[in-house]
C-alpha atoms as a PDB file:
ATOM      1  CA  UNK A   1      34.108   0.555  25.681  1.00  0.00           C
ATOM      2  CA  UNK A   2      36.090   3.829  24.894  1.00  0.00           C
ATOM      3  CA  UNK A   3      39.481   4.398  26.353  1.00  0.00           C
ATOM      4  CA  UNK A   4      39.240   5.630  29.955  1.00  0.00           C
ATOM      5  CA  UNK A   5      41.778   8.415  29.342  1.00  0.00           C
ATOM      6  CA  UNK A   6      39.483   9.967  26.415  1.00  0.00           C
ATOM      7  CA  UNK A   7      36.552   9.669  28.784  1.00  0.00           C
ATOM      8  CA  UNK A   8      38.265  11.354  31.574  1.00  0.00           C
ATOM      9  CA  UNK A   9      39.843  14.039  29.138  1.00  0.00           C
ATOM     10  CA  UNK A  10      36.481  14.822  28.082  1.00  0.00           C
ATOM     11  CA  UNK A  11      35.241  15.262  31.618  1.00  0.00           C
ATOM     12  CA  UNK A  12      37.932  17.484  32.517  1.00  0.00           C
ATOM     13  CA  UNK A  13      37.170  19.824  29.360  1.00  0.00           C
ATOM     14  CA  UNK A  14      33.508  19.873  30.454  1.00  0.00           C
ATOM     15  CA  UNK A  15      34.492  21.040  33.929  1.00  0.00           C
ATOM     16  CA  UNK A  16      36.854  23.570  32.532  1.00  0.00           C
ATOM     17  CA  UNK A  17      33.869  25.026  30.194  1.00  0.00           C
ATOM     18  CA  UNK A  18      31.588  25.300  33.142  1.00  0.00           C
ATOM     19  CA  UNK A  19      34.269  27.009  35.245  1.00  0.00           C
ATOM     20  CA  UNK A  20      35.187  29.767  32.570  1.00  0.00           C
ATOM     21  CA  UNK A  21      31.915  30.075  30.817  1.00  0.00           C
ATOM     22  CA  UNK A  22      30.934  33.539  32.516  1.00  0.00           C
ATOM     23  CA  UNK A  23      34.232  34.924  31.889  1.00  0.00           C
ATOM     24  CA  UNK A  24      34.381  33.812  28.162  1.00  0.00           C
ATOM     25  CA  UNK A  25      30.738  34.971  27.719  1.00  0.00           C
ATOM     26  CA  UNK A  26      31.813  38.580  29.010  1.00  0.00           C
ATOM     27  CA  UNK A  27      34.938  38.806  27.002  1.00  0.00           C
ATOM     28  CA  UNK A  28      32.851  37.601  23.876  1.00  0.00           C
ATOM     29  CA  UNK A  29      30.296  40.255  24.524  1.00  0.00           C
ATOM     30  CA  UNK A  30      32.824  43.033  25.017  1.00  0.00           C
ATOM     31  CA  UNK A  31      34.820  42.011  21.903  1.00  0.00           C
ATOM     32  CA  UNK A  32      31.604  42.410  19.699  1.00  0.00           C
ATOM     33  CA  UNK A  33      30.230  45.411  21.443  1.00  0.00           C
ATOM     34  CA  UNK A  34      30.301  48.311  18.877  1.00  0.00           C
ATOM     35  CA  UNK A  35      29.872  51.011  21.315  1.00  0.00           C
ATOM     36  CA  UNK A  36      33.362  50.296  22.987  1.00  0.00           C
ATOM     37  CA  UNK A  37      36.669  51.761  21.526  1.00  0.00           C
ATOM     38  CA  UNK A  38      38.506  49.639  19.006  1.00  0.00           C
ATOM     39  CA  UNK A  39      41.298  49.186  21.695  1.00  0.00           C
ATOM     40  CA  UNK A  40      38.949  47.955  24.384  1.00  0.00           C
ATOM     41  CA  UNK A  41      37.482  45.608  21.721  1.00  0.00           C
ATOM     42  CA  UNK A  42      41.068  44.558  20.962  1.00  0.00           C
ATOM     43  CA  UNK A  43      42.065  43.982  24.578  1.00  0.00           C
ATOM     44  CA  UNK A  44      39.024  41.874  25.262  1.00  0.00           C
ATOM     45  CA  UNK A  45      40.106  39.511  22.245  1.00  0.00           C
ATOM     46  CA  UNK A  46      43.590  39.352  23.529  1.00  0.00           C
ATOM     47  CA  UNK A  47      42.247  38.231  26.874  1.00  0.00           C
ATOM     48  CA  UNK A  48      39.854  35.848  25.273  1.00  0.00           C
ATOM     49  CA  UNK A  49      42.834  34.245  23.434  1.00  0.00           C
ATOM     50  CA  UNK A  50      44.672  33.809  26.642  1.00  0.00           C
ATOM     51  CA  UNK A  51      42.125  31.569  27.998  1.00  0.00           C
ATOM     52  CA  UNK A  52      42.585  27.875  27.706  1.00  0.00           C
ATOM     53  CA  UNK A  53      41.692  26.336  24.567  1.00  0.00           C
ATOM     54  CA  UNK A  54      39.819  23.579  26.217  1.00  0.00           C
ATOM     55  CA  UNK A  55      37.410  26.043  27.962  1.00  0.00           C
ATOM     56  CA  UNK A  56      35.734  26.455  24.734  1.00  0.00           C
ATOM     57  CA  UNK A  57      32.368  24.613  24.669  1.00  0.00           C
ATOM     58  CA  UNK A  58      32.908  23.155  21.000  1.00  0.00           C
ATOM     59  CA  UNK A  59      35.743  21.185  22.350  1.00  0.00           C
ATOM     60  CA  UNK A  60      33.843  19.072  24.458  1.00  0.00           C
ATOM     61  CA  UNK A  61      32.739  15.649  22.641  1.00  0.00           C
ATOM     62  CA  UNK A  62      29.285  14.123  23.109  1.00  0.00           C
ATOM     63  CA  UNK A  63      29.861  10.727  24.618  1.00  0.00           C
ATOM     64  CA  UNK A  64      27.624   7.911  25.530  1.00  0.00           C
ATOM     65  CA  UNK A  65      26.925   7.596  29.492  1.00  0.00           C
ATOM     66  CA  UNK A  66      27.059   3.695  29.140  1.00  0.00           C
ATOM     67  CA  UNK A  67      29.873   2.954  27.123  1.00  0.00           C
ATOM     68  CA  UNK A  68      31.877   6.273  26.415  1.00  0.00           C
ATOM     69  CA  UNK A  69      31.324   5.872  22.677  1.00  0.00           C
ATOM     70  CA  UNK A  70      31.762   9.125  20.945  1.00  0.00           C
ATOM     71  CA  UNK A  71      29.836   8.570  17.538  1.00  0.00           C
ATOM     72  CA  UNK A  72      26.042   7.702  16.824  1.00  0.00           C
ATOM     73  CA  UNK A  73      25.260   9.386  20.069  1.00  0.00           C
ATOM     74  CA  UNK A  74      21.468  10.302  20.405  1.00  0.00           C
ATOM     75  CA  UNK A  75      21.389  13.461  22.738  1.00  0.00           C
ATOM     76  CA  UNK A  76      17.718  12.992  24.098  1.00  0.00           C
ATOM     77  CA  UNK A  77      18.778   9.739  25.603  1.00  0.00           C
ATOM     78  CA  UNK A  78      22.622  10.503  26.164  1.00  0.00           C
ATOM     79  CA  UNK A  79      23.900   7.224  24.844  1.00  0.00           C
ATOM     80  CA  UNK A  80      24.858   5.700  21.819  1.00  0.00           C
ATOM     81  CA  UNK A  81      22.899   3.708  19.174  1.00  0.00           C
ATOM     82  CA  UNK A  82      24.574   0.431  20.333  1.00  0.00           C
ATOM     83  CA  UNK A  83      24.095   0.916  24.068  1.00  0.00           C
ATOM     84  CA  UNK A  84      20.442   2.040  23.363  1.00  0.00           C
ATOM     85  CA  UNK A  85      19.932  -1.400  21.254  1.00  0.00           C
ATOM     86  CA  UNK A  86      21.392  -3.534  23.980  1.00  0.00           C
ATOM     87  CA  UNK A  87      19.440  -1.921  26.797  1.00  0.00           C
ATOM     88  CA  UNK A  88      16.440  -1.743  24.594  1.00  0.00           C
ATOM     89  CA  UNK A  89      16.470  -5.425  23.760  1.00  0.00           C
ATOM     90  CA  UNK A  90      16.851  -6.326  27.762  1.00  0.00           C
ATOM     91  CA  UNK A  91      13.823  -4.056  28.337  1.00  0.00           C
ATOM     92  CA  UNK A  92      15.702  -1.362  30.309  1.00  0.00           C
ATOM     93  CA  UNK A  93      14.688   1.781  28.168  1.00  0.00           C
ATOM     94  CA  UNK A  94      11.061   2.639  29.072  1.00  0.00           C
ATOM     95  CA  UNK A  95       8.721   3.233  26.215  1.00  0.00           C
ATOM     96  CA  UNK A  96      11.325   1.509  23.928  1.00  0.00           C
ATOM     97  CA  UNK A  97      10.201  -1.716  21.867  1.00  0.00           C
ATOM     98  CA  UNK A  98      12.726  -3.331  19.546  1.00  0.00           C
ATOM     99  CA  UNK A  99      11.082  -4.568  16.404  1.00  0.00           C
ATOM    100  CA  UNK A 100      11.358  -8.068  15.157  1.00  0.00           C
ATOM    101  CA  UNK A 101       9.815  -9.861  12.311  1.00  0.00           C
END
């Protein structure tokens, strides 16, 4: 099990990303728009830099829904390999059959 503080910190980042996604997208679009003047694009970049760093989507870490583990994460199932194996062994994942020989 991962530290509760790390899990909560990641949830806080995800919430901030969702809240500021629209503003961040508009500013990035304005900063890249060649039809605007250089001053307007520079102003958009300054405003983008003023946003919290944790509002960037790449700051959010994929974590297992079951254990909170940050590594060996399967996106399709939203869980780590360890949690997947454990639940698969118990027969709780539909369609998953653990091989044994």
